[in-house]
Amino acid sequence: MGSFSIWHWLIVLLVVILVFGTKKLRNLGADLGSAVKGFREGMKSEEEKSVQTKAEIPPSTGQTIEGEAKKETPKV
């Protein structure tokens, strides 16, 4: 039980073409290509959103403010 030879795969391809037809196979390929393209665009937009979110954080967030605390004396 070895692997299939090239002739086996050609016969399988011929049967698939006869069953489904070339038009359906072409449409299937186009649909698959557009799905992959849409997925890539979706991933790009997610990366751009994460970059924009990081840029929207004000620069003062997370910084330490140094100073001196003084006790207020009551006024008489």
PDB file of N, CA and C in Angstrom:
ATOM      1  N   MET A   1       0.833  -1.182   0.000  1.00  0.00           N
ATOM      2  CA  MET A   1       0.000   0.000   0.000  1.00  0.00           C
ATOM      3  C   MET A   1       0.876   1.242   0.000  1.00  0.00           C
ATOM      4  N   GLY A   2       1.467   1.512  -1.111  1.00  0.00           N
ATOM      5  CA  GLY A   2       2.304   2.694  -1.239  1.00  0.00           C
ATOM      6  C   GLY A   2       1.470   3.913  -1.577  1.00  0.00           C
ATOM      7  N   SER A   3       2.160   4.995  -1.851  1.00  0.00           N
ATOM      8  CA  SER A   3       1.452   6.222  -2.201  1.00  0.00           C
ATOM      9  C   SER A   3       0.921   6.122  -3.632  1.00  0.00           C
ATOM     10  N   PHE A   4      -0.012   6.973  -3.945  1.00  0.00           N
ATOM     11  CA  PHE A   4      -0.596   6.976  -5.290  1.00  0.00           C
ATOM     12  C   PHE A   4       0.388   7.562  -6.286  1.00  0.00           C
ATOM     13  N   SER A   5       0.362   7.039  -7.486  1.00  0.00           N
ATOM     14  CA  SER A   5       1.222   7.577  -8.534  1.00  0.00           C
ATOM     15  C   SER A   5       0.521   8.763  -9.207  1.00  0.00           C
ATOM     16  N   ILE A   6       1.212   9.400 -10.102  1.00  0.00           N
ATOM     17  CA  ILE A   6       0.662  10.561 -10.812  1.00  0.00           C
ATOM     18  C   ILE A   6      -0.565  10.163 -11.622  1.00  0.00           C
ATOM     19  N   TRP A   7      -0.586   8.941 -12.137  1.00  0.00           N
ATOM     20  CA  TRP A   7      -1.718   8.482 -12.945  1.00  0.00           C
ATOM     21  C   TRP A   7      -2.980   8.347 -12.102  1.00  0.00           C
ATOM     22  N   HIS A   8      -2.847   7.909 -10.876  1.00  0.00           N
ATOM     23  CA  HIS A   8      -4.010   7.829  -9.989  1.00  0.00           C
ATOM     24  C   HIS A   8      -4.614   9.217  -9.759  1.00  0.00           C
ATOM     25  N   TRP A   9      -3.729  10.201  -9.496  1.00  0.00           N
ATOM     26  CA  TRP A   9      -4.207  11.555  -9.234  1.00  0.00           C
ATOM     27  C   TRP A   9      -4.839  12.183 -10.473  1.00  0.00           C
ATOM     28  N   LEU A  10      -4.300  11.890 -11.657  1.00  0.00           N
ATOM     29  CA  LEU A  10      -4.901  12.413 -12.891  1.00  0.00           C
ATOM     30  C   LEU A  10      -6.288  11.834 -13.130  1.00  0.00           C
ATOM     31  N   ILE A  11      -6.458  10.556 -12.828  1.00  0.00           N
ATOM     32  CA  ILE A  11      -7.782   9.936 -12.982  1.00  0.00           C
ATOM     33  C   ILE A  11      -8.767  10.534 -11.988  1.00  0.00           C
ATOM     34  N   VAL A  12      -8.344  10.756 -10.757  1.00  0.00           N
ATOM     35  CA  VAL A  12      -9.211  11.383  -9.750  1.00  0.00           C
ATOM     36  C   VAL A  12      -9.595  12.789 -10.189  1.00  0.00           C
ATOM     37  N   LEU A  13      -8.640  13.544 -10.714  1.00  0.00           N
ATOM     38  CA  LEU A  13      -8.912  14.896 -11.202  1.00  0.00           C
ATOM     39  C   LEU A  13      -9.908  14.869 -12.359  1.00  0.00           C
ATOM     40  N   LEU A  14      -9.753  13.936 -13.263  1.00  0.00           N
ATOM     41  CA  LEU A  14     -10.673  13.803 -14.390  1.00  0.00           C
ATOM     42  C   LEU A  14     -12.087  13.487 -13.913  1.00  0.00           C
ATOM     43  N   VAL A  15     -12.221  12.607 -12.938  1.00  0.00           N
ATOM     44  CA  VAL A  15     -13.541  12.261 -12.402  1.00  0.00           C
ATOM     45  C   VAL A  15     -14.171  13.470 -11.716  1.00  0.00           C
ATOM     46  N   VAL A  16     -13.380  14.223 -10.954  1.00  0.00           N
ATOM     47  CA  VAL A  16     -13.903  15.414 -10.272  1.00  0.00           C
ATOM     48  C   VAL A  16     -14.383  16.431 -11.299  1.00  0.00           C
ATOM     49  N   ILE A  17     -13.625  16.632 -12.368  1.00  0.00           N
ATOM     50  CA  ILE A  17     -14.028  17.577 -13.407  1.00  0.00           C
ATOM     51  C   ILE A  17     -15.309  17.111 -14.091  1.00  0.00           C
ATOM     52  N   LEU A  18     -15.430  15.828 -14.336  1.00  0.00           N
ATOM     53  CA  LEU A  18     -16.639  15.304 -14.970  1.00  0.00           C
ATOM     54  C   LEU A  18     -17.855  15.441 -14.064  1.00  0.00           C
ATOM     55  N   VAL A  19     -17.666  15.244 -12.763  1.00  0.00           N
ATOM     56  CA  VAL A  19     -18.799  15.304 -11.837  1.00  0.00           C
ATOM     57  C   VAL A  19     -19.235  16.752 -11.604  1.00  0.00           C
ATOM     58  N   PHE A  20     -18.297  17.626 -11.304  1.00  0.00           N
ATOM     59  CA  PHE A  20     -18.653  18.992 -10.924  1.00  0.00           C
ATOM     60  C   PHE A  20     -18.667  19.965 -12.094  1.00  0.00           C
ATOM     61  N   GLY A  21     -17.873  19.726 -13.087  1.00  0.00           N
ATOM     62  CA  GLY A  21     -17.793  20.651 -14.207  1.00  0.00           C
ATOM     63  C   GLY A  21     -16.772  21.737 -13.933  1.00  0.00           C
ATOM     64  N   THR A  22     -16.252  22.305 -15.004  1.00  0.00           N
ATOM     65  CA  THR A  22     -15.193  23.303 -14.852  1.00  0.00           C
ATOM     66  C   THR A  22     -15.719  24.632 -14.322  1.00  0.00           C
ATOM     67  N   LYS A  23     -16.970  24.967 -14.639  1.00  0.00           N
ATOM     68  CA  LYS A  23     -17.511  26.251 -14.193  1.00  0.00           C
ATOM     69  C   LYS A  23     -17.655  26.287 -12.669  1.00  0.00           C
ATOM     70  N   LYS A  24     -18.167  25.194 -12.090  1.00  0.00           N
ATOM     71  CA  LYS A  24     -18.305  25.155 -10.630  1.00  0.00           C
ATOM     72  C   LYS A  24     -16.944  25.168  -9.949  1.00  0.00           C
ATOM     73  N   LEU A  25     -15.981  24.460 -10.536  1.00  0.00           N
ATOM     74  CA  LEU A  25     -14.641  24.453  -9.948  1.00  0.00           C
ATOM     75  C   LEU A  25     -14.000  25.830 -10.031  1.00  0.00           C
ATOM     76  N   ARG A  26     -14.219  26.545 -11.137  1.00  0.00           N
ATOM     77  CA  ARG A  26     -13.685  27.900 -11.286  1.00  0.00           C
ATOM     78  C   ARG A  26     -14.323  28.831 -10.254  1.00  0.00           C
ATOM     79  N   ASN A  27     -15.636  28.719 -10.081  1.00  0.00           N
ATOM     80  CA  ASN A  27     -16.325  29.556  -9.095  1.00  0.00           C
ATOM     81  C   ASN A  27     -15.848  29.240  -7.678  1.00  0.00           C
ATOM     82  N   LEU A  28     -15.615  27.970  -7.417  1.00  0.00           N
ATOM     83  CA  LEU A  28     -15.128  27.567  -6.102  1.00  0.00           C
ATOM     84  C   LEU A  28     -13.753  28.181  -5.833  1.00  0.00           C
ATOM     85  N   GLY A  29     -12.890  28.175  -6.844  1.00  0.00           N
ATOM     86  CA  GLY A  29     -11.564  28.781  -6.697  1.00  0.00           C
ATOM     87  C   GLY A  29     -11.640  30.277  -6.474  1.00  0.00           C
ATOM     88  N   ALA A  30     -12.523  30.940  -7.199  1.00  0.00           N
ATOM     89  CA  ALA A  30     -12.676  32.389  -7.034  1.00  0.00           C
ATOM     90  C   ALA A  30     -13.228  32.724  -5.646  1.00  0.00           C
ATOM     91  N   ASP A  31     -14.179  31.941  -5.176  1.00  0.00           N
ATOM     92  CA  ASP A  31     -14.737  32.165  -3.840  1.00  0.00           C
ATOM     93  C   ASP A  31     -13.694  31.952  -2.757  1.00  0.00           C
ATOM     94  N   LEU A  32     -12.899  30.921  -2.931  1.00  0.00           N
ATOM     95  CA  LEU A  32     -11.849  30.646  -1.954  1.00  0.00           C
ATOM     96  C   LEU A  32     -10.815  31.773  -1.946  1.00  0.00           C
ATOM     97  N   GLY A  33     -10.452  32.277  -3.120  1.00  0.00           N
ATOM     98  CA  GLY A  33      -9.491  33.374  -3.204  1.00  0.00           C
ATOM     99  C   GLY A  33     -10.006  34.651  -2.563  1.00  0.00           C
ATOM    100  N   SER A  34     -11.283  34.964  -2.785  1.00  0.00           N
ATOM    101  CA  SER A  34     -11.843  36.172  -2.174  1.00  0.00           C
ATOM    102  C   SER A  34     -11.966  36.018  -0.661  1.00  0.00           C
ATOM    103  N   ALA A  35     -12.210  34.806  -0.196  1.00  0.00           N
ATOM    104  CA  ALA A  35     -12.283  34.584   1.251  1.00  0.00           C
ATOM    105  C   ALA A  35     -10.921  34.796   1.905  1.00  0.00           C
ATOM    106  N   VAL A  36      -9.878  34.316   1.269  1.00  0.00           N
ATOM    107  CA  VAL A  36      -8.529  34.507   1.801  1.00  0.00           C
ATOM    108  C   VAL A  36      -8.158  35.990   1.782  1.00  0.00           C
ATOM    109  N   LYS A  37      -8.528  36.683   0.717  1.00  0.00           N
ATOM    110  CA  LYS A  37      -8.241  38.118   0.619  1.00  0.00           C
ATOM    111  C   LYS A  37      -8.972  38.893   1.718  1.00  0.00           C
ATOM    112  N   GLY A  38     -10.240  38.561   1.956  1.00  0.00           N
ATOM    113  CA  GLY A  38     -11.003  39.210   3.015  1.00  0.00           C
ATOM    114  C   GLY A  38     -10.413  38.939   4.386  1.00  0.00           C
ATOM    115  N   PHE A  39      -9.928  37.722   4.592  1.00  0.00           N
ATOM    116  CA  PHE A  39      -9.312  37.377   5.876  1.00  0.00           C
ATOM    117  C   PHE A  39      -8.052  38.207   6.100  1.00  0.00           C
ATOM    118  N   ARG A  40      -7.234  38.361   5.060  1.00  0.00           N
ATOM    119  CA  ARG A  40      -6.012  39.155   5.186  1.00  0.00           C
ATOM    120  C   ARG A  40      -6.331  40.613   5.480  1.00  0.00           C
ATOM    121  N   GLU A  41      -7.339  41.166   4.815  1.00  0.00           N
ATOM    122  CA  GLU A  41      -7.724  42.558   5.071  1.00  0.00           C
ATOM    123  C   GLU A  41      -8.252  42.721   6.495  1.00  0.00           C
ATOM    124  N   GLY A  42      -8.981  41.731   6.977  1.00  0.00           N
ATOM    125  CA  GLY A  42      -9.478  41.774   8.348  1.00  0.00           C
ATOM    126  C   GLY A  42      -8.351  41.748   9.357  1.00  0.00           C
ATOM    127  N   MET A  43      -7.328  40.953   9.083  1.00  0.00           N
ATOM    128  CA  MET A  43      -6.180  40.901   9.988  1.00  0.00           C
ATOM    129  C   MET A  43      -5.416  42.217   9.970  1.00  0.00           C
ATOM    130  N   LYS A  44      -5.295  42.852   8.804  1.00  0.00           N
ATOM    131  CA  LYS A  44      -4.611  44.142   8.718  1.00  0.00           C
ATOM    132  C   LYS A  44      -5.365  45.199   9.512  1.00  0.00           C
ATOM    133  N   SER A  45      -6.691  45.215   9.399  1.00  0.00           N
ATOM    134  CA  SER A  45      -7.463  46.233  10.106  1.00  0.00           C
ATOM    135  C   SER A  45      -7.378  46.022  11.614  1.00  0.00           C
ATOM    136  N   GLU A  46      -7.289  44.768  12.067  1.00  0.00           N
ATOM    137  CA  GLU A  46      -7.135  44.506  13.502  1.00  0.00           C
ATOM    138  C   GLU A  46      -5.784  45.020  13.993  1.00  0.00           C
ATOM    139  N   GLU A  47      -4.734  44.831  13.186  1.00  0.00           N
ATOM    140  CA  GLU A  47      -3.417  45.337  13.576  1.00  0.00           C
ATOM    141  C   GLU A  47      -3.413  46.854  13.621  1.00  0.00           C
ATOM    142  N   GLU A  48      -4.086  47.496  12.665  1.00  0.00           N
ATOM    143  CA  GLU A  48      -4.142  48.958  12.651  1.00  0.00           C
ATOM    144  C   GLU A  48      -4.925  49.476  13.857  1.00  0.00           C
ATOM    145  N   LYS A  49      -5.990  48.775  14.245  1.00  0.00           N
ATOM    146  CA  LYS A  49      -6.754  49.197  15.422  1.00  0.00           C
ATOM    147  C   LYS A  49      -5.910  49.101  16.684  1.00  0.00           C
ATOM    148  N   SER A  50      -5.111  48.041  16.819  1.00  0.00           N
ATOM    149  CA  SER A  50      -4.291  47.895  18.012  1.00  0.00           C
ATOM    150  C   SER A  50      -3.205  48.970  18.061  1.00  0.00           C
ATOM    151  N   VAL A  51      -2.667  49.361  16.912  1.00  0.00           N
ATOM    152  CA  VAL A  51      -1.664  50.427  16.872  1.00  0.00           C
ATOM    153  C   VAL A  51      -2.313  51.755  17.232  1.00  0.00           C
ATOM    154  N   GLN A  52      -3.523  52.017  16.728  1.00  0.00           N
ATOM    155  CA  GLN A  52      -4.212  53.263  17.043  1.00  0.00           C
ATOM    156  C   GLN A  52      -4.572  53.322  18.522  1.00  0.00           C
ATOM    157  N   THR A  53      -4.957  52.207  19.108  1.00  0.00           N
ATOM    158  CA  THR A  53      -5.313  52.178  20.525  1.00  0.00           C
ATOM    159  C   THR A  53      -4.104  52.534  21.371  1.00  0.00           C
ATOM    160  N   LYS A  54      -2.941  52.012  21.003  1.00  0.00           N
ATOM    161  CA  LYS A  54      -1.732  52.329  21.762  1.00  0.00           C
ATOM    162  C   LYS A  54      -1.368  53.798  21.614  1.00  0.00           C
ATOM    163  N   ALA A  55      -1.620  54.392  20.463  1.00  0.00           N
ATOM    164  CA  ALA A  55      -1.272  55.789  20.232  1.00  0.00           C
ATOM    165  C   ALA A  55      -2.229  56.734  20.952  1.00  0.00           C
ATOM    166  N   GLU A  56      -3.444  56.287  21.277  1.00  0.00           N
ATOM    167  CA  GLU A  56      -4.431  57.151  21.909  1.00  0.00           C
ATOM    168  C   GLU A  56      -4.207  57.320  23.406  1.00  0.00           C
ATOM    169  N   ILE A  57      -3.321  56.546  24.015  1.00  0.00           N
ATOM    170  CA  ILE A  57      -3.053  56.665  25.445  1.00  0.00           C
ATOM    171  C   ILE A  57      -2.293  57.968  25.678  1.00  0.00           C
ATOM    172  N   PRO A  58      -2.800  58.821  26.583  1.00  0.00           N
ATOM    173  CA  PRO A  58      -2.111  60.091  26.831  1.00  0.00           C
ATOM    174  C   PRO A  58      -0.709  59.852  27.386  1.00  0.00           C
ATOM    175  N   PRO A  59       0.226  60.753  27.076  1.00  0.00           N
ATOM    176  CA  PRO A  59       1.605  60.539  27.508  1.00  0.00           C
ATOM    177  C   PRO A  59       1.783  60.584  29.018  1.00  0.00           C
ATOM    178  N   SER A  60       0.862  61.204  29.759  1.00  0.00           N
ATOM    179  CA  SER A  60       1.016  61.294  31.206  1.00  0.00           C
ATOM    180  C   SER A  60       0.655  59.996  31.914  1.00  0.00           C
ATOM    181  N   THR A  61      -0.024  59.103  31.244  1.00  0.00           N
ATOM    182  CA  THR A  61      -0.429  57.853  31.868  1.00  0.00           C
ATOM    183  C   THR A  61       0.803  56.993  32.131  1.00  0.00           C
ATOM    184  N   GLY A  62       0.910  56.522  33.350  1.00  0.00           N
ATOM    185  CA  GLY A  62       1.999  55.633  33.693  1.00  0.00           C
ATOM    186  C   GLY A  62       3.281  56.343  34.087  1.00  0.00           C
ATOM    187  N   GLN A  63       3.283  57.677  34.149  1.00  0.00           N
ATOM    188  CA  GLN A  63       4.488  58.405  34.527  1.00  0.00           C
ATOM    189  C   GLN A  63       4.387  58.786  36.000  1.00  0.00           C
ATOM    190  N   THR A  64       5.524  58.840  36.634  1.00  0.00           N
ATOM    191  CA  THR A  64       5.572  59.204  38.050  1.00  0.00           C
ATOM    192  C   THR A  64       5.758  60.714  38.170  1.00  0.00           C
ATOM    193  N   ILE A  65       4.976  61.314  39.031  1.00  0.00           N
ATOM    194  CA  ILE A  65       5.100  62.754  39.289  1.00  0.00           C
ATOM    195  C   ILE A  65       5.810  62.921  40.620  1.00  0.00           C
ATOM    196  N   GLU A  66       6.937  63.598  40.566  1.00  0.00           N
ATOM    197  CA  GLU A  66       7.702  63.802  41.793  1.00  0.00           C
ATOM    198  C   GLU A  66       7.302  65.129  42.418  1.00  0.00           C
ATOM    199  N   GLY A  67       7.240  65.133  43.717  1.00  0.00           N
ATOM    200  CA  GLY A  67       6.894  66.361  44.424  1.00  0.00           C
ATOM    201  C   GLY A  67       7.068  66.179  45.926  1.00  0.00           C
ATOM    202  N   GLU A  68       6.747  67.219  46.638  1.00  0.00           N
ATOM    203  CA  GLU A  68       6.885  67.179  48.093  1.00  0.00           C
ATOM    204  C   GLU A  68       5.541  67.492  48.712  1.00  0.00           C
ATOM    205  N   ALA A  69       5.149  66.690  49.681  1.00  0.00           N
ATOM    206  CA  ALA A  69       3.881  66.921  50.347  1.00  0.00           C
ATOM    207  C   ALA A  69       4.157  67.735  51.631  1.00  0.00           C
ATOM    208  N   LYS A  70       3.417  68.810  51.807  1.00  0.00           N
ATOM    209  CA  LYS A  70       3.569  69.634  53.006  1.00  0.00           C
ATOM    210  C   LYS A  70       2.285  69.593  53.792  1.00  0.00           C
ATOM    211  N   LYS A  71       2.422  69.622  55.081  1.00  0.00           N
ATOM    212  CA  LYS A  71       1.261  69.622  55.961  1.00  0.00           C
ATOM    213  C   LYS A  71       0.739  71.049  56.049  1.00  0.00           C
ATOM    214  N   GLU A  72      -0.559  71.172  55.847  1.00  0.00           N
ATOM    215  CA  GLU A  72      -1.158  72.501  55.889  1.00  0.00           C
ATOM    216  C   GLU A  72      -1.416  72.910  57.336  1.00  0.00           C
ATOM    217  N   THR A  73      -0.990  74.131  57.672  1.00  0.00           N
ATOM    218  CA  THR A  73      -1.191  74.618  59.039  1.00  0.00           C
ATOM    219  C   THR A  73      -2.543  75.317  59.123  1.00  0.00           C
ATOM    220  N   PRO A  74      -3.280  75.084  60.185  1.00  0.00           N
ATOM    221  CA  PRO A  74      -4.585  75.736  60.315  1.00  0.00           C
ATOM    222  C   PRO A  74      -4.435  77.258  60.493  1.00  0.00           C
ATOM    223  N   LYS A  75      -5.302  78.010  59.831  1.00  0.00           N
ATOM    224  CA  LYS A  75      -5.281  79.465  59.930  1.00  0.00           C
ATOM    225  C   LYS A  75      -6.139  79.863  61.136  1.00  0.00           C
ATOM    226  N   VAL A  76      -5.641  80.849  61.883  1.00  0.00           N
ATOM    227  CA  VAL A  76      -6.361  81.280  63.075  1.00  0.00           C
ATOM    228  C   VAL A  76      -7.099  82.554  62.836  1.00  0.00           C
TER     229      VAL A  76
END
